[in-house]
Amino acid sequence: MKEHTYEATVIWTGNKGTGTSDYAAYGREFTLQIPNKPDLLCSADVPFRGDKTKHNPEDFFLASLSSCHMLWYFHLCADAGIRVVEYTDEPIGTMIQDPNGGRFTSVTLRPKVVITDPSKINLANSLHHEANKQCFIANSCNFRVTHEPTCTSNNA
């Protein structure tokens, strides 16, 4: 078994002078720092008093699922001799809030893939299932991540 460690620094930048003296008294802004990478200016999502112009944890979660799936999919396609030339995903996630907090209940990935060989479209679509099984982020979720892929060929 291999073990990998990841590190980040989260620095709250939303102190408006009185700290967390009141729920409305502080900003939800923070900076995400990851060694050797550009800083990201972040905030809570708008429903939680955040700044809509900044990335938020929910954005990161959805992007993590989508990008992890994509990278595993590329690996599997390369191994299967499928040449992917375009890939776009527009994932959608649903989160619920209740008195005890909140949680994501579903995420659907909707990758649009373009490959070079039209005879491999069915195989290319089927590899999304295997990519989901391999994805580290999807394997860390307590709900099922679903997929609605479409695949076309630029040589059809």
Protein backbone atom coordinates (compact mmCIF):
# COMPACT_ATOMS: atom_id res chain seq x y z
CA MET A 1 0.00 0.00 0.00
CA LYS A 2 1.28 3.45 -0.89
CA GLU A 3 0.52 6.49 1.22
CA HIS A 4 0.52 10.06 -0.12
CA THR A 5 0.44 13.22 1.96
CA TYR A 6 -0.96 16.56 0.81
CA GLU A 7 -0.43 19.88 2.51
CA ALA A 8 -2.14 23.24 2.29
CA THR A 9 -2.38 26.42 4.31
CA VAL A 10 -5.70 28.21 4.77
CA ILE A 11 -5.39 31.79 6.02
CA TRP A 12 -8.55 33.60 7.10
CA THR A 13 -8.51 37.17 5.72
CA GLY A 14 -12.03 38.18 6.74
CA ASN A 15 -11.37 39.85 10.10
CA LYS A 16 -13.12 43.22 9.85
CA GLY A 17 -11.64 44.43 13.13
CA THR A 18 -13.68 42.61 15.74
CA GLY A 19 -13.04 39.00 14.72
CA THR A 20 -15.96 36.66 15.21
CA SER A 21 -17.69 38.89 17.75
CA ASP A 22 -20.99 38.39 15.91
CA TYR A 23 -22.15 36.18 13.03
CA ALA A 24 -22.50 39.22 10.77
CA ALA A 25 -19.29 40.91 11.96
CA TYR A 26 -16.74 38.90 10.01
CA GLY A 27 -15.96 38.15 6.40
CA ARG A 28 -15.80 34.66 5.01
CA GLU A 29 -12.75 35.36 2.85
CA PHE A 30 -9.61 33.24 3.04
CA THR A 31 -6.51 32.51 1.03
CA LEU A 32 -5.62 28.97 0.04
CA GLN A 33 -1.90 28.36 -0.24
CA ILE A 34 -0.42 25.16 -1.60
CA PRO A 35 3.36 24.86 -1.78
CA ASN A 36 4.82 25.84 -5.19
CA LYS A 37 1.42 26.86 -6.61
CA PRO A 38 -0.36 30.21 -7.01
CA ASP A 39 -2.46 31.38 -4.07
CA LEU A 40 -6.23 31.21 -4.49
CA LEU A 41 -8.49 33.89 -3.04
CA CYS A 42 -11.52 32.13 -1.61
CA SER A 43 -14.71 32.67 0.33
CA ALA A 44 -17.80 30.91 1.53
CA ASP A 45 -20.56 30.44 -1.03
CA VAL A 46 -23.11 33.26 -1.32
CA PRO A 47 -25.85 31.55 0.75
CA PHE A 48 -23.35 31.44 3.62
CA ARG A 49 -22.49 35.15 3.49
CA GLY A 50 -19.66 34.67 1.01
CA ASP A 51 -18.26 36.55 -1.95
CA LYS A 52 -19.64 35.31 -5.28
CA THR A 53 -16.47 36.38 -7.11
CA LYS A 54 -14.25 33.96 -5.20
CA HIS A 55 -13.91 30.19 -5.25
CA ASN A 56 -15.60 28.32 -2.41
CA PRO A 57 -15.27 24.87 -0.82
CA GLU A 58 -18.30 23.56 -2.71
CA ASP A 59 -16.73 24.65 -6.03
CA PHE A 60 -13.53 22.84 -5.05
CA PHE A 61 -15.40 19.68 -4.17
CA LEU A 62 -17.23 19.54 -7.49
CA ALA A 63 -14.07 20.42 -9.42
CA SER A 64 -12.11 17.74 -7.53
CA LEU A 65 -14.58 15.04 -8.48
CA SER A 66 -14.68 16.13 -12.10
CA SER A 67 -10.95 16.54 -12.59
CA CYS A 68 -10.02 13.31 -10.78
CA HIS A 69 -12.48 11.42 -12.99
CA MET A 70 -11.10 13.10 -16.11
CA LEU A 71 -7.50 12.20 -15.29
CA TRP A 72 -8.36 8.56 -14.60
CA TYR A 73 -10.42 8.47 -17.79
CA PHE A 74 -7.44 9.74 -19.82
CA HIS A 75 -5.25 7.04 -18.26
CA LEU A 76 -7.74 4.33 -19.19
CA CYS A 77 -8.25 5.69 -22.70
CA ALA A 78 -4.50 5.81 -23.30
CA ASP A 79 -4.18 2.20 -22.12
CA ALA A 80 -7.07 1.18 -24.43
CA GLY A 81 -5.64 2.95 -27.48
CA ILE A 82 -8.35 5.62 -27.53
CA ARG A 83 -7.09 9.05 -28.53
CA VAL A 84 -9.07 11.76 -26.75
CA VAL A 85 -8.68 15.15 -28.45
CA GLU A 86 -11.29 17.18 -26.55
CA TYR A 87 -12.87 16.84 -23.12
CA THR A 88 -15.30 19.14 -21.35
CA ASP A 89 -17.29 18.38 -18.23
CA GLU A 90 -20.14 20.38 -16.76
CA PRO A 91 -20.76 18.55 -13.48
CA ILE A 92 -23.70 19.33 -11.28
CA GLY A 93 -23.93 18.66 -7.56
CA THR A 94 -26.74 18.86 -5.04
CA MET A 95 -26.13 19.80 -1.44
CA ILE A 96 -28.75 19.86 1.29
CA GLN A 97 -28.73 21.80 4.51
CA ASP A 98 -30.41 20.70 7.70
CA PRO A 99 -30.18 21.78 11.36
CA ASN A 100 -27.13 19.56 11.83
CA GLY A 101 -25.16 21.04 8.93
CA GLY A 102 -25.16 20.04 5.32
CA ARG A 103 -23.87 17.50 2.86
CA PHE A 104 -23.70 16.72 -0.81
CA THR A 105 -26.25 14.10 -1.75
CA SER A 106 -25.41 13.70 -5.42
CA VAL A 107 -22.99 14.68 -8.13
CA THR A 108 -23.49 13.95 -11.80
CA LEU A 109 -20.55 14.29 -14.13
CA ARG A 110 -21.49 15.17 -17.71
CA PRO A 111 -18.33 14.75 -19.77
CA LYS A 112 -18.39 15.56 -23.47
CA VAL A 113 -15.56 13.67 -25.13
CA VAL A 114 -14.23 13.81 -28.68
CA ILE A 115 -12.04 10.94 -29.88
CA THR A 116 -10.36 10.24 -33.20
CA ASP A 117 -11.69 6.73 -33.94
CA PRO A 118 -15.49 6.44 -34.33
CA SER A 119 -15.32 2.65 -33.94
CA LYS A 120 -14.22 3.13 -30.31
CA ILE A 121 -17.09 5.35 -29.13
CA ASN A 122 -18.85 2.56 -27.20
CA LEU A 123 -15.61 1.55 -25.50
CA ALA A 124 -14.83 5.18 -24.71
CA ASN A 125 -18.23 5.61 -23.06
CA SER A 126 -17.83 2.40 -21.05
CA LEU A 127 -14.52 3.54 -19.59
CA HIS A 128 -16.30 6.17 -17.49
CA HIS A 129 -17.54 3.37 -15.23
CA GLU A 130 -13.99 2.14 -14.62
CA ALA A 131 -12.68 5.69 -14.15
CA ASN A 132 -15.30 6.18 -11.43
CA LYS A 133 -14.09 3.02 -9.67
CA GLN A 134 -10.49 4.29 -9.76
CA CYS A 135 -11.12 7.95 -8.82
CA PHE A 136 -9.65 8.74 -5.40
CA ILE A 137 -12.10 11.56 -4.75
CA ALA A 138 -15.22 9.58 -5.76
CA ASN A 139 -14.02 6.72 -3.54
CA SER A 140 -13.94 9.17 -0.63
CA CYS A 141 -17.60 10.19 -0.98
CA ASN A 142 -20.50 8.82 1.03
CA PHE A 143 -22.82 9.00 -1.99
CA ARG A 144 -22.74 7.61 -5.51
CA VAL A 145 -21.24 9.76 -8.26
CA THR A 146 -23.12 9.25 -11.52
CA HIS A 147 -22.17 9.95 -15.13
CA GLU A 148 -23.94 11.12 -18.26
CA PRO A 149 -21.18 10.97 -20.86
CA THR A 150 -21.42 11.76 -24.53
CA CYS A 151 -18.72 10.78 -26.96
CA THR A 152 -18.28 11.73 -30.59
CA SER A 153 -15.53 11.39 -33.11
CA ASN A 154 -13.90 14.15 -35.09
CA ASN A 155 -13.51 11.61 -37.94
CA ALA A 156 -17.14 10.54 -38.23
